[in-house]
C-alpha atoms as a PDB file:
ATOM      1  CA  UNK A   1     -65.721 -38.567 -35.812  1.00  0.00           C
ATOM      2  CA  UNK A   2     -67.937 -36.425 -33.674  1.00  0.00           C
ATOM      3  CA  UNK A   3     -67.254 -32.813 -32.936  1.00  0.00           C
ATOM      4  CA  UNK A   4     -69.186 -31.577 -29.937  1.00  0.00           C
ATOM      5  CA  UNK A   5     -66.595 -32.023 -27.189  1.00  0.00           C
ATOM      6  CA  UNK A   6     -66.466 -28.345 -26.273  1.00  0.00           C
ATOM      7  CA  UNK A   7     -66.279 -27.623 -29.989  1.00  0.00           C
ATOM      8  CA  UNK A   8     -63.713 -30.369 -30.466  1.00  0.00           C
ATOM      9  CA  UNK A   9     -63.314 -33.887 -31.771  1.00  0.00           C
ATOM     10  CA  UNK A  10     -63.417 -37.378 -30.282  1.00  0.00           C
ATOM     11  CA  UNK A  11     -62.379 -40.505 -32.219  1.00  0.00           C
ATOM     12  CA  UNK A  12     -61.282 -44.082 -31.564  1.00  0.00           C
ATOM     13  CA  UNK A  13     -59.612 -46.779 -33.638  1.00  0.00           C
ATOM     14  CA  UNK A  14     -59.184 -50.351 -32.494  1.00  0.00           C
ATOM     15  CA  UNK A  15     -56.594 -53.070 -32.915  1.00  0.00           C
ATOM     16  CA  UNK A  16     -54.120 -51.396 -35.234  1.00  0.00           C
ATOM     17  CA  UNK A  17     -50.587 -52.588 -35.953  1.00  0.00           C
ATOM     18  CA  UNK A  18     -47.759 -50.166 -35.177  1.00  0.00           C
ATOM     19  CA  UNK A  19     -44.136 -50.687 -36.142  1.00  0.00           C
ATOM     20  CA  UNK A  20     -42.840 -48.674 -33.158  1.00  0.00           C
ATOM     21  CA  UNK A  21     -43.849 -45.934 -30.718  1.00  0.00           C
ATOM     22  CA  UNK A  22     -43.431 -43.191 -33.316  1.00  0.00           C
ATOM     23  CA  UNK A  23     -45.837 -44.984 -35.655  1.00  0.00           C
ATOM     24  CA  UNK A  24     -48.264 -45.466 -32.752  1.00  0.00           C
ATOM     25  CA  UNK A  25     -48.216 -41.711 -32.025  1.00  0.00           C
ATOM     26  CA  UNK A  26     -48.856 -40.908 -35.685  1.00  0.00           C
ATOM     27  CA  UNK A  27     -51.735 -43.397 -35.777  1.00  0.00           C
ATOM     28  CA  UNK A  28     -53.286 -41.903 -32.637  1.00  0.00           C
ATOM     29  CA  UNK A  29     -53.039 -38.409 -34.150  1.00  0.00           C
ATOM     30  CA  UNK A  30     -54.442 -39.484 -37.520  1.00  0.00           C
ATOM     31  CA  UNK A  31     -58.173 -39.012 -36.756  1.00  0.00           C
ATOM     32  CA  UNK A  32     -57.511 -35.512 -35.422  1.00  0.00           C
ATOM     33  CA  UNK A  33     -55.489 -34.675 -38.527  1.00  0.00           C
ATOM     34  CA  UNK A  34     -58.249 -36.011 -40.796  1.00  0.00           C
ATOM     35  CA  UNK A  35     -60.805 -33.865 -38.948  1.00  0.00           C
ATOM     36  CA  UNK A  36     -58.676 -30.737 -39.299  1.00  0.00           C
ATOM     37  CA  UNK A  37     -58.278 -30.423 -35.520  1.00  0.00           C
ATOM     38  CA  UNK A  38     -54.485 -30.526 -35.849  1.00  0.00           C
ATOM     39  CA  UNK A  39     -51.978 -29.739 -38.596  1.00  0.00           C
ATOM     40  CA  UNK A  40     -49.504 -32.143 -40.142  1.00  0.00           C
ATOM     41  CA  UNK A  41     -46.817 -30.643 -37.886  1.00  0.00           C
ATOM     42  CA  UNK A  42     -48.521 -31.746 -34.672  1.00  0.00           C
ATOM     43  CA  UNK A  43     -47.774 -35.521 -34.759  1.00  0.00           C
ATOM     44  CA  UNK A  44     -44.172 -34.729 -35.678  1.00  0.00           C
ATOM     45  CA  UNK A  45     -43.912 -32.355 -32.694  1.00  0.00           C
ATOM     46  CA  UNK A  46     -45.405 -34.997 -30.368  1.00  0.00           C
ATOM     47  CA  UNK A  47     -42.635 -37.369 -31.440  1.00  0.00           C
ATOM     48  CA  UNK A  48     -39.951 -34.677 -31.149  1.00  0.00           C
ATOM     49  CA  UNK A  49     -41.129 -33.754 -27.643  1.00  0.00           C
ATOM     50  CA  UNK A  50     -40.754 -37.384 -26.537  1.00  0.00           C
ATOM     51  CA  UNK A  51     -37.357 -37.610 -28.208  1.00  0.00           C
ATOM     52  CA  UNK A  52     -36.250 -34.427 -26.391  1.00  0.00           C
ATOM     53  CA  UNK A  53     -37.782 -35.126 -22.970  1.00  0.00           C
ATOM     54  CA  UNK A  54     -38.135 -38.899 -22.825  1.00  0.00           C
ATOM     55  CA  UNK A  55     -41.373 -40.875 -22.636  1.00  0.00           C
ATOM     56  CA  UNK A  56     -43.044 -38.410 -20.260  1.00  0.00           C
ATOM     57  CA  UNK A  57     -46.461 -38.976 -21.790  1.00  0.00           C
ATOM     58  CA  UNK A  58     -46.536 -42.674 -20.884  1.00  0.00           C
ATOM     59  CA  UNK A  59     -48.856 -42.096 -17.937  1.00  0.00           C
ATOM     60  CA  UNK A  60     -49.609 -45.552 -16.581  1.00  0.00           C
ATOM     61  CA  UNK A  61     -48.869 -49.163 -17.464  1.00  0.00           C
ATOM     62  CA  UNK A  62     -49.760 -49.599 -21.125  1.00  0.00           C
ATOM     63  CA  UNK A  63     -51.185 -46.080 -21.585  1.00  0.00           C
ATOM     64  CA  UNK A  64     -49.723 -43.050 -23.378  1.00  0.00           C
ATOM     65  CA  UNK A  65     -51.200 -39.571 -23.929  1.00  0.00           C
ATOM     66  CA  UNK A  66     -49.293 -38.012 -26.826  1.00  0.00           C
ATOM     67  CA  UNK A  67     -49.465 -34.241 -26.980  1.00  0.00           C
ATOM     68  CA  UNK A  68     -47.509 -31.133 -27.842  1.00  0.00           C
ATOM     69  CA  UNK A  69     -48.083 -27.397 -27.406  1.00  0.00           C
ATOM     70  CA  UNK A  70     -51.065 -25.530 -28.842  1.00  0.00           C
ATOM     71  CA  UNK A  71     -48.753 -23.506 -31.098  1.00  0.00           C
ATOM     72  CA  UNK A  72     -47.437 -26.766 -32.594  1.00  0.00           C
ATOM     73  CA  UNK A  73     -50.493 -26.996 -34.813  1.00  0.00           C
ATOM     74  CA  UNK A  74     -53.760 -27.319 -32.892  1.00  0.00           C
ATOM     75  CA  UNK A  75     -56.824 -25.817 -34.571  1.00  0.00           C
ATOM     76  CA  UNK A  76     -59.482 -27.199 -32.206  1.00  0.00           C
ATOM     77  CA  UNK A  77     -59.845 -29.311 -29.090  1.00  0.00           C
ATOM     78  CA  UNK A  78     -59.732 -33.038 -29.609  1.00  0.00           C
ATOM     79  CA  UNK A  79     -58.812 -36.422 -28.256  1.00  0.00           C
ATOM     80  CA  UNK A  80     -58.320 -39.607 -30.232  1.00  0.00           C
ATOM     81  CA  UNK A  81     -57.220 -43.071 -29.206  1.00  0.00           C
ATOM     82  CA  UNK A  82     -55.787 -46.090 -30.948  1.00  0.00           C
ATOM     83  CA  UNK A  83     -55.482 -49.524 -29.399  1.00  0.00           C
ATOM     84  CA  UNK A  84     -52.623 -51.640 -30.668  1.00  0.00           C
ATOM     85  CA  UNK A  85     -52.750 -55.323 -31.575  1.00  0.00           C
ATOM     86  CA  UNK A  86     -49.233 -55.705 -30.240  1.00  0.00           C
ATOM     87  CA  UNK A  87     -47.865 -53.341 -27.572  1.00  0.00           C
ATOM     88  CA  UNK A  88     -44.833 -51.196 -28.391  1.00  0.00           C
ATOM     89  CA  UNK A  89     -42.038 -49.915 -26.172  1.00  0.00           C
ATOM     90  CA  UNK A  90     -41.800 -46.167 -25.603  1.00  0.00           C
ATOM     91  CA  UNK A  91     -38.722 -46.464 -23.398  1.00  0.00           C
ATOM     92  CA  UNK A  92     -40.530 -45.917 -20.094  1.00  0.00           C
ATOM     93  CA  UNK A  93     -38.864 -47.847 -17.267  1.00  0.00           C
ATOM     94  CA  UNK A  94     -42.116 -48.772 -15.494  1.00  0.00           C
ATOM     95  CA  UNK A  95     -45.067 -48.413 -17.883  1.00  0.00           C
ATOM     96  CA  UNK A  96     -43.866 -50.136 -21.081  1.00  0.00           C
ATOM     97  CA  UNK A  97     -45.058 -51.684 -23.259  1.00  0.00           C
ATOM     98  CA  UNK A  98     -47.936 -49.466 -24.424  1.00  0.00           C
ATOM     99  CA  UNK A  99     -51.056 -50.689 -26.197  1.00  0.00           C
ATOM    100  CA  UNK A 100     -53.456 -47.748 -25.693  1.00  0.00           C
ATOM    101  CA  UNK A 101     -52.269 -44.480 -27.222  1.00  0.00           C
ATOM    102  CA  UNK A 102     -54.296 -41.310 -26.835  1.00  0.00           C
ATOM    103  CA  UNK A 103     -53.545 -38.182 -28.837  1.00  0.00           C
ATOM    104  CA  UNK A 104     -54.652 -34.907 -27.379  1.00  0.00           C
ATOM    105  CA  UNK A 105     -54.643 -31.385 -28.700  1.00  0.00           C
ATOM    106  CA  UNK A 106     -55.919 -28.115 -27.269  1.00  0.00           C
ATOM    107  CA  UNK A 107     -55.770 -24.752 -29.028  1.00  0.00           C
ATOM    108  CA  UNK A 108     -55.133 -22.945 -25.735  1.00  0.00           C
ATOM    109  CA  UNK A 109     -54.381 -23.508 -22.068  1.00  0.00           C
ATOM    110  CA  UNK A 110     -58.000 -23.404 -20.896  1.00  0.00           C
ATOM    111  CA  UNK A 111     -60.269 -25.438 -23.191  1.00  0.00           C
ATOM    112  CA  UNK A 112     -58.839 -28.818 -22.291  1.00  0.00           C
ATOM    113  CA  UNK A 113     -59.370 -28.878 -18.528  1.00  0.00           C
ATOM    114  CA  UNK A 114     -62.850 -30.435 -18.515  1.00  0.00           C
ATOM    115  CA  UNK A 115     -62.004 -32.978 -21.181  1.00  0.00           C
ATOM    116  CA  UNK A 116     -58.792 -34.112 -19.481  1.00  0.00           C
ATOM    117  CA  UNK A 117     -60.560 -34.319 -16.112  1.00  0.00           C
ATOM    118  CA  UNK A 118     -63.237 -36.551 -17.602  1.00  0.00           C
ATOM    119  CA  UNK A 119     -60.633 -38.673 -19.367  1.00  0.00           C
ATOM    120  CA  UNK A 120     -58.674 -39.108 -16.127  1.00  0.00           C
ATOM    121  CA  UNK A 121     -61.798 -40.157 -14.198  1.00  0.00           C
ATOM    122  CA  UNK A 122     -62.675 -42.715 -16.835  1.00  0.00           C
ATOM    123  CA  UNK A 123     -59.143 -44.088 -16.986  1.00  0.00           C
ATOM    124  CA  UNK A 124     -59.287 -44.651 -13.233  1.00  0.00           C
ATOM    125  CA  UNK A 125     -62.599 -46.476 -13.762  1.00  0.00           C
ATOM    126  CA  UNK A 126     -61.174 -48.865 -16.373  1.00  0.00           C
ATOM    127  CA  UNK A 127     -61.585 -47.003 -19.682  1.00  0.00           C
ATOM    128  CA  UNK A 128     -58.318 -48.419 -21.059  1.00  0.00           C
ATOM    129  CA  UNK A 129     -59.422 -52.007 -20.414  1.00  0.00           C
ATOM    130  CA  UNK A 130     -62.787 -51.369 -22.089  1.00  0.00           C
ATOM    131  CA  UNK A 131     -60.964 -49.886 -25.093  1.00  0.00           C
ATOM    132  CA  UNK A 132     -58.624 -52.895 -25.220  1.00  0.00           C
ATOM    133  CA  UNK A 133     -61.659 -55.194 -25.315  1.00  0.00           C
ATOM    134  CA  UNK A 134     -63.205 -53.338 -28.274  1.00  0.00           C
ATOM    135  CA  UNK A 135     -63.026 -55.523 -31.374  1.00  0.00           C
ATOM    136  CA  UNK A 136     -63.658 -52.762 -33.917  1.00  0.00           C
ATOM    137  CA  UNK A 137     -63.617 -48.999 -34.413  1.00  0.00           C
ATOM    138  CA  UNK A 138     -67.349 -48.559 -33.791  1.00  0.00           C
ATOM    139  CA  UNK A 139     -67.181 -50.324 -30.424  1.00  0.00           C
ATOM    140  CA  UNK A 140     -64.067 -48.387 -29.425  1.00  0.00           C
ATOM    141  CA  UNK A 141     -65.842 -45.158 -30.390  1.00  0.00           C
ATOM    142  CA  UNK A 142     -68.809 -46.083 -28.184  1.00  0.00           C
ATOM    143  CA  UNK A 143     -66.463 -46.730 -25.265  1.00  0.00           C
ATOM    144  CA  UNK A 144     -64.675 -43.415 -25.781  1.00  0.00           C
ATOM    145  CA  UNK A 145     -68.040 -41.632 -25.854  1.00  0.00           C
ATOM    146  CA  UNK A 146     -68.201 -42.302 -22.087  1.00  0.00           C
ATOM    147  CA  UNK A 147     -65.737 -39.431 -21.721  1.00  0.00           C
ATOM    148  CA  UNK A 148     -68.162 -37.065 -23.460  1.00  0.00           C
ATOM    149  CA  UNK A 149     -71.205 -38.388 -21.603  1.00  0.00           C
ATOM    150  CA  UNK A 150     -69.537 -37.708 -18.254  1.00  0.00           C
ATOM    151  CA  UNK A 151     -69.023 -34.021 -18.939  1.00  0.00           C
END
């Protein structure tokens, strides 16, 4: 886990098994929780938000960006990603199943803009496919570092 993304955290985990979309969200949040970037409430709130509003954070085919509000337990800026061995359904009519799950947290409305912009640019340029190809955590971490290097 590195922690110089605008004072935040960046972490990747590859080829994990998830029992369902809720488990996938918790797994994506796990590195941020371990780093102290989010509280234990945050993954629960990410799940509750999707239960309340539908799978709004399934952004593109196979890609989700789980997040909740800053007041739901974000201590510092961070993004983590988990790739799944077997995709899971989030209930999105067009973009299911999902096999790349990002978790994102920002302590306020301003700190995240640069990081999300970089992430979006890299997703357009094939970041998700490079993460899917990563065989292990270290390789996935190197791929995710592209987001930091772009900033």
